[in-house]
Amino acid sequence: MSEKEIDEHFIALETKIAYLEEFTAELQEVVVEHTKTIDRLTAVNKALTEKIEDLMQNEEIPNRKPPHY
């Protein structure tokens, strides 16, 4: 390989690394955002589950037809 070919190859590798670093940073942002969303949804799910359990224990749910029947 000539010196020019080595330089071109080196530049191509540096370019690929730069794109990979940018992609990794963007991917990290997405992962952090998704983690926050999952944590928020988990908390909401837990609260709703507890509320449903409380309602089922404290109130008798009537077994009747809905008004649209």
C-alpha atoms as a PDB file:
ATOM      1  CA  MET A   1       0.000   0.000   0.000  1.00  0.00           C
ATOM      2  CA  SER A   2       1.200   3.432  -0.817  1.00  0.00           C
ATOM      3  CA  GLU A   3       1.267   6.246   1.692  1.00  0.00           C
ATOM      4  CA  LYS A   4      -1.679   7.898  -0.063  1.00  0.00           C
ATOM      5  CA  GLU A   5      -3.762   4.700   0.187  1.00  0.00           C
ATOM      6  CA  ILE A   6      -2.881   4.360   3.862  1.00  0.00           C
ATOM      7  CA  ASP A   7      -3.924   7.976   4.483  1.00  0.00           C
ATOM      8  CA  GLU A   8      -7.225   7.439   2.640  1.00  0.00           C
ATOM      9  CA  HIS A   9      -7.875   4.262   4.589  1.00  0.00           C
ATOM     10  CA  PHE A  10      -7.057   6.030   7.858  1.00  0.00           C
ATOM     11  CA  ILE A  11      -9.415   8.914   6.997  1.00  0.00           C
ATOM     12  CA  ALA A  12     -12.183   6.447   6.126  1.00  0.00           C
ATOM     13  CA  LEU A  13     -11.715   4.708   9.485  1.00  0.00           C
ATOM     14  CA  GLU A  14     -11.768   8.026  11.355  1.00  0.00           C
ATOM     15  CA  THR A  15     -14.969   8.974   9.537  1.00  0.00           C
ATOM     16  CA  LYS A  16     -16.623   5.690  10.465  1.00  0.00           C
ATOM     17  CA  ILE A  17     -15.592   6.126  14.094  1.00  0.00           C
ATOM     18  CA  ALA A  18     -17.010   9.658  14.157  1.00  0.00           C
ATOM     19  CA  TYR A  19     -20.363   8.409  12.816  1.00  0.00           C
ATOM     20  CA  LEU A  20     -20.387   5.551  15.322  1.00  0.00           C
ATOM     21  CA  GLU A  21     -19.677   7.936  18.200  1.00  0.00           C
ATOM     22  CA  GLU A  22     -22.543  10.184  17.090  1.00  0.00           C
ATOM     23  CA  PHE A  23     -24.866   7.192  16.710  1.00  0.00           C
ATOM     24  CA  THR A  24     -23.908   5.902  20.161  1.00  0.00           C
ATOM     25  CA  ALA A  25     -24.648   9.290  21.747  1.00  0.00           C
ATOM     26  CA  GLU A  26     -28.052   9.464  20.046  1.00  0.00           C
ATOM     27  CA  LEU A  27     -28.840   5.904  21.064  1.00  0.00           C
ATOM     28  CA  GLN A  28     -27.902   6.690  24.663  1.00  0.00           C
ATOM     29  CA  GLU A  29     -30.343   9.617  24.668  1.00  0.00           C
ATOM     30  CA  VAL A  30     -33.120   7.350  23.388  1.00  0.00           C
ATOM     31  CA  VAL A  31     -32.352   4.721  26.016  1.00  0.00           C
ATOM     32  CA  VAL A  32     -32.446   7.310  28.801  1.00  0.00           C
ATOM     33  CA  GLU A  33     -35.762   8.703  27.505  1.00  0.00           C
ATOM     34  CA  HIS A  34     -37.280   5.216  27.267  1.00  0.00           C
ATOM     35  CA  THR A  35     -36.075   4.353  30.761  1.00  0.00           C
ATOM     36  CA  LYS A  36     -37.781   7.463  32.150  1.00  0.00           C
ATOM     37  CA  THR A  37     -40.985   6.575  30.289  1.00  0.00           C
ATOM     38  CA  ILE A  38     -40.909   2.990  31.550  1.00  0.00           C
ATOM     39  CA  ASP A  39     -40.344   4.173  35.126  1.00  0.00           C
ATOM     40  CA  ARG A  40     -43.247   6.623  34.861  1.00  0.00           C
ATOM     41  CA  LEU A  41     -45.574   4.004  33.353  1.00  0.00           C
ATOM     42  CA  THR A  42     -44.566   1.470  35.991  1.00  0.00           C
ATOM     43  CA  ALA A  43     -45.456   3.939  38.741  1.00  0.00           C
ATOM     44  CA  VAL A  44     -48.831   4.701  37.123  1.00  0.00           C
ATOM     45  CA  ASN A  45     -49.535   0.996  36.689  1.00  0.00           C
ATOM     46  CA  LYS A  46     -48.702   0.325  40.337  1.00  0.00           C
ATOM     47  CA  ALA A  47     -50.958   3.171  41.505  1.00  0.00           C
ATOM     48  CA  LEU A  48     -53.852   1.987  39.340  1.00  0.00           C
ATOM     49  CA  THR A  49     -53.418  -1.604  40.485  1.00  0.00           C
ATOM     50  CA  GLU A  50     -53.507  -0.511  44.121  1.00  0.00           C
ATOM     51  CA  LYS A  51     -56.589   1.620  43.481  1.00  0.00           C
ATOM     52  CA  ILE A  52     -58.401  -1.287  41.810  1.00  0.00           C
ATOM     53  CA  GLU A  53     -57.462  -3.621  44.655  1.00  0.00           C
ATOM     54  CA  ASP A  54     -58.740  -1.083  47.199  1.00  0.00           C
ATOM     55  CA  LEU A  55     -62.013  -0.695  45.311  1.00  0.00           C
ATOM     56  CA  MET A  56     -62.477  -4.449  45.053  1.00  0.00           C
ATOM     57  CA  GLN A  57     -61.890  -4.913  48.787  1.00  0.00           C
ATOM     58  CA  ASN A  58     -63.835  -1.906  50.061  1.00  0.00           C
ATOM     59  CA  GLU A  59     -66.796  -1.776  47.715  1.00  0.00           C
ATOM     60  CA  GLU A  60     -69.032  -4.430  46.362  1.00  0.00           C
ATOM     61  CA  ILE A  61     -69.275  -4.054  42.626  1.00  0.00           C
ATOM     62  CA  PRO A  62     -72.900  -4.445  41.521  1.00  0.00           C
ATOM     63  CA  ASN A  63     -73.568  -7.200  39.045  1.00  0.00           C
ATOM     64  CA  ARG A  64     -76.021  -5.468  36.768  1.00  0.00           C
ATOM     65  CA  LYS A  65     -76.390  -4.710  33.108  1.00  0.00           C
ATOM     66  CA  PRO A  66     -74.905  -1.479  31.825  1.00  0.00           C
ATOM     67  CA  PRO A  67     -77.435   1.279  31.021  1.00  0.00           C
ATOM     68  CA  HIS A  68     -77.100   0.824  27.276  1.00  0.00           C
ATOM     69  CA  TYR A  69     -78.814  -2.586  27.346  1.00  0.00           C
END
